[in-house]
């Protein structure tokens, strides 16, 4: 049976998950790979962001300012900036006219993001080239928790005598959720 393909948005490696679970063989590799991809997607959806490096194209309304915050962070490179159909070159030194960027925004020296509807286009790369260790570990632990729970999905306890079963209402373990909160992208209203 072929192993489920590695997804570029995975937050941990199959080998690390198997090591955490102490699973030496390949019998459950397909299941484990699907599980860690599913957990990675769920974690990133909850955080409202993509963690691995990716290229984005934002088409936005001009705001009349010289600063435009970008949707995905941390910004690692800005490929192009276009305002009102005009290409803005990168500033050669951060002082001369052109664009410069930080890990959260693009700034224009000598011009503005002129007000208009969808008149600004910014192509950039954002995310982490290496998944932060704490997020990778949270993914491992969450995937391991779900793998171990597959025989009693949602069940938190059973009782003796008259049958009593209780079920968990948690999507994520409390530790995973606490850690993900640090990376959560909150869009201002």
Protein backbone atom coordinates (compact mmCIF):
# COMPACT_ATOMS: atom_id res chain seq x y z
CA UNK A 1 0.00 0.00 0.00
CA UNK A 2 1.53 3.38 -0.97
CA UNK A 3 2.23 5.85 1.80
CA UNK A 4 0.14 9.03 1.88
CA UNK A 5 2.28 11.81 0.39
CA UNK A 6 4.03 14.39 2.55
CA UNK A 7 2.09 17.65 2.47
CA UNK A 8 4.10 20.90 2.26
CA UNK A 9 1.99 22.37 5.06
CA UNK A 10 2.80 19.57 7.53
CA UNK A 11 4.09 20.89 10.84
CA UNK A 12 6.10 17.79 11.73
CA UNK A 13 7.66 14.76 10.11
CA UNK A 14 6.29 11.23 10.06
CA UNK A 15 9.59 9.94 11.51
CA UNK A 16 9.26 12.29 14.50
CA UNK A 17 5.67 11.23 15.14
CA UNK A 18 6.65 7.55 14.94
CA UNK A 19 9.56 8.13 17.32
CA UNK A 20 7.23 9.88 19.82
CA UNK A 21 4.79 6.97 19.59
CA UNK A 22 7.63 4.41 19.66
CA UNK A 23 6.39 2.73 16.46
CA UNK A 24 9.30 1.03 14.68
CA UNK A 25 7.48 -0.59 11.74
CA UNK A 26 5.74 0.84 8.68
CA UNK A 27 2.33 -0.80 9.17
CA UNK A 28 0.53 2.41 10.19
CA UNK A 29 2.61 4.86 8.11
CA UNK A 30 -0.24 5.79 5.78
CA UNK A 31 -2.64 6.35 8.68
CA UNK A 32 -0.05 8.34 10.65
CA UNK A 33 0.86 10.52 7.65
CA UNK A 34 -2.82 11.31 6.97
CA UNK A 35 -3.30 12.05 10.65
CA UNK A 36 -0.36 14.44 10.93
CA UNK A 37 -1.44 16.25 7.74
CA UNK A 38 -4.98 16.54 9.12
CA UNK A 39 -3.71 17.82 12.48
CA UNK A 40 -1.37 20.28 10.71
CA UNK A 41 -4.25 21.66 8.63
CA UNK A 42 -6.55 21.91 11.68
CA UNK A 43 -3.87 23.68 13.72
CA UNK A 44 -3.18 26.19 10.95
CA UNK A 45 -6.89 26.80 10.40
CA UNK A 46 -7.30 27.47 14.12
CA UNK A 47 -4.30 29.83 14.07
CA UNK A 48 -5.73 31.51 10.96
CA UNK A 49 -2.39 31.30 9.17
CA UNK A 50 -0.04 29.09 7.18
CA UNK A 51 3.18 28.34 9.04
CA UNK A 52 5.58 26.98 6.34
CA UNK A 53 7.05 29.42 3.82
CA UNK A 54 4.75 30.16 0.88
CA UNK A 55 4.32 32.84 -1.78
CA UNK A 56 1.27 35.10 -1.60
CA UNK A 57 -0.30 37.70 -3.85
CA UNK A 58 -2.37 40.29 -2.00
CA UNK A 59 -4.63 42.55 -4.05
CA UNK A 60 -5.81 45.29 -1.75
CA UNK A 61 -7.53 48.66 -1.59
CA UNK A 62 -5.09 51.56 -1.39
CA UNK A 63 -5.26 53.22 2.03
CA UNK A 64 -3.69 56.63 1.29
CA UNK A 65 -0.79 55.82 3.60
CA UNK A 66 2.85 54.96 2.98
CA UNK A 67 2.41 51.72 4.97
CA UNK A 68 0.49 48.54 4.18
CA UNK A 69 0.31 45.64 6.62
CA UNK A 70 0.45 42.22 5.01
CA UNK A 71 -1.89 39.34 5.75
CA UNK A 72 0.73 36.59 6.19
CA UNK A 73 3.67 36.81 8.54
CA UNK A 74 6.58 36.76 9.05
CA UNK A 75 7.34 38.37 5.69
CA UNK A 76 10.68 37.10 4.40
CA UNK A 77 10.80 38.73 0.96
CA UNK A 78 8.77 41.10 -1.20
CA UNK A 79 8.94 40.26 -4.92
CA UNK A 80 6.87 43.09 -6.36
CA UNK A 81 4.71 46.07 -5.44
CA UNK A 82 2.27 47.65 -7.91
CA UNK A 83 0.13 50.70 -7.08
CA UNK A 84 -2.49 51.88 -9.57
CA UNK A 85 -0.89 49.81 -12.32
CA UNK A 86 2.57 51.34 -11.72
CA UNK A 87 5.39 49.06 -10.61
CA UNK A 88 7.24 50.37 -7.56
CA UNK A 89 10.90 49.33 -7.43
CA UNK A 90 12.66 48.30 -4.27
CA UNK A 91 14.51 51.14 -2.54
CA UNK A 92 18.23 50.50 -3.08
CA UNK A 93 19.17 51.68 0.41
CA UNK A 94 15.94 52.05 2.40
CA UNK A 95 16.12 55.85 2.08
CA UNK A 96 15.74 56.53 -1.63
CA UNK A 97 12.31 56.23 -3.30
CA UNK A 98 10.88 52.74 -3.60
CA UNK A 99 9.53 50.07 -1.29
CA UNK A 100 11.08 48.53 1.80
CA UNK A 101 9.61 45.83 3.99
CA UNK A 102 9.62 44.51 7.52
CA UNK A 103 8.41 41.15 8.76
CA UNK A 104 4.85 42.50 8.88
CA UNK A 105 4.43 45.28 6.29
CA UNK A 106 5.57 47.12 3.15
CA UNK A 107 6.55 50.79 3.32
CA UNK A 108 6.83 53.25 0.43
CA UNK A 109 9.54 55.92 0.44
CA UNK A 110 8.52 58.96 -1.60
CA UNK A 111 4.99 57.82 -2.46
CA UNK A 112 1.80 56.37 -1.02
CA UNK A 113 -0.60 53.50 -1.47
CA UNK A 114 -3.07 55.83 -3.18
CA UNK A 115 -6.71 55.34 -2.21
CA UNK A 116 -8.61 53.15 -4.63
CA UNK A 117 -10.46 49.88 -5.00
CA UNK A 118 -8.14 46.89 -5.40
CA UNK A 119 -5.42 49.09 -6.86
CA UNK A 120 -2.52 47.63 -4.86
CA UNK A 121 -0.89 44.30 -5.69
CA UNK A 122 1.92 42.93 -3.52
CA UNK A 123 3.66 39.61 -4.19
CA UNK A 124 5.66 38.33 -1.24
CA UNK A 125 6.96 35.31 0.63
CA UNK A 126 6.00 34.73 4.23
CA UNK A 127 6.17 31.97 6.81
CA UNK A 128 8.86 29.93 8.50
CA UNK A 129 11.55 28.15 6.46
CA UNK A 130 11.96 25.84 9.46
CA UNK A 131 8.87 25.00 11.50
CA UNK A 132 9.27 26.39 15.02
CA UNK A 133 10.22 23.54 17.35
CA UNK A 134 7.38 24.23 19.76
CA UNK A 135 4.76 24.03 16.98
CA UNK A 136 6.30 20.84 15.59
CA UNK A 137 6.15 19.28 19.05
CA UNK A 138 2.54 20.41 19.55
CA UNK A 139 1.66 18.78 16.21
CA UNK A 140 3.42 15.57 17.24
CA UNK A 141 1.64 15.47 20.59
CA UNK A 142 -1.77 16.30 19.09
CA UNK A 143 -1.39 13.67 16.35
CA UNK A 144 -0.20 11.10 18.92
CA UNK A 145 -3.15 11.93 21.18
CA UNK A 146 -5.58 11.40 18.30
CA UNK A 147 -3.82 8.21 17.18
CA UNK A 148 -4.01 6.74 20.68
CA UNK A 149 -7.66 7.80 20.98
CA UNK A 150 -8.74 6.06 17.75
CA UNK A 151 -10.05 3.06 19.71
CA UNK A 152 -12.21 5.24 21.94
CA UNK A 153 -12.82 8.44 19.95
CA UNK A 154 -13.99 11.20 22.26
CA UNK A 155 -14.36 8.85 25.23
CA UNK A 156 -12.85 10.16 28.47
CA UNK A 157 -13.94 7.50 30.90
CA UNK A 158 -16.09 4.46 31.60
CA UNK A 159 -17.67 3.22 34.80
CA UNK A 160 -18.44 -0.05 36.49
CA UNK A 161 -21.92 -1.37 37.05
CA UNK A 162 -24.53 0.42 34.96
CA UNK A 163 -22.77 1.46 31.78
CA UNK A 164 -21.30 4.96 32.03
CA UNK A 165 -19.20 6.53 29.28
CA UNK A 166 -18.20 10.20 29.12
CA UNK A 167 -16.85 11.99 26.07
CA UNK A 168 -14.35 14.80 25.56
CA UNK A 169 -15.40 18.11 24.01
CA UNK A 170 -11.84 19.23 23.16
CA UNK A 171 -10.59 19.69 19.61
CA UNK A 172 -7.03 20.23 20.82
CA UNK A 173 -5.22 19.30 23.98
CA UNK A 174 -5.00 22.27 26.38
CA UNK A 175 -1.20 22.42 25.94
CA UNK A 176 -1.46 22.53 22.14
CA UNK A 177 -4.12 25.22 22.25
CA UNK A 178 -2.08 27.37 24.66
CA UNK A 179 0.97 27.12 22.42
CA UNK A 180 -0.96 27.83 19.21
CA UNK A 181 -2.40 30.98 20.78
CA UNK A 182 1.07 32.59 20.48
CA UNK A 183 1.01 32.09 16.70
CA UNK A 184 -2.67 32.91 16.12
CA UNK A 185 -3.24 35.58 13.49
CA UNK A 186 -5.93 38.01 14.53
CA UNK A 187 -7.30 40.24 11.81
CA UNK A 188 -8.36 43.65 13.16
CA UNK A 189 -11.91 44.72 12.36
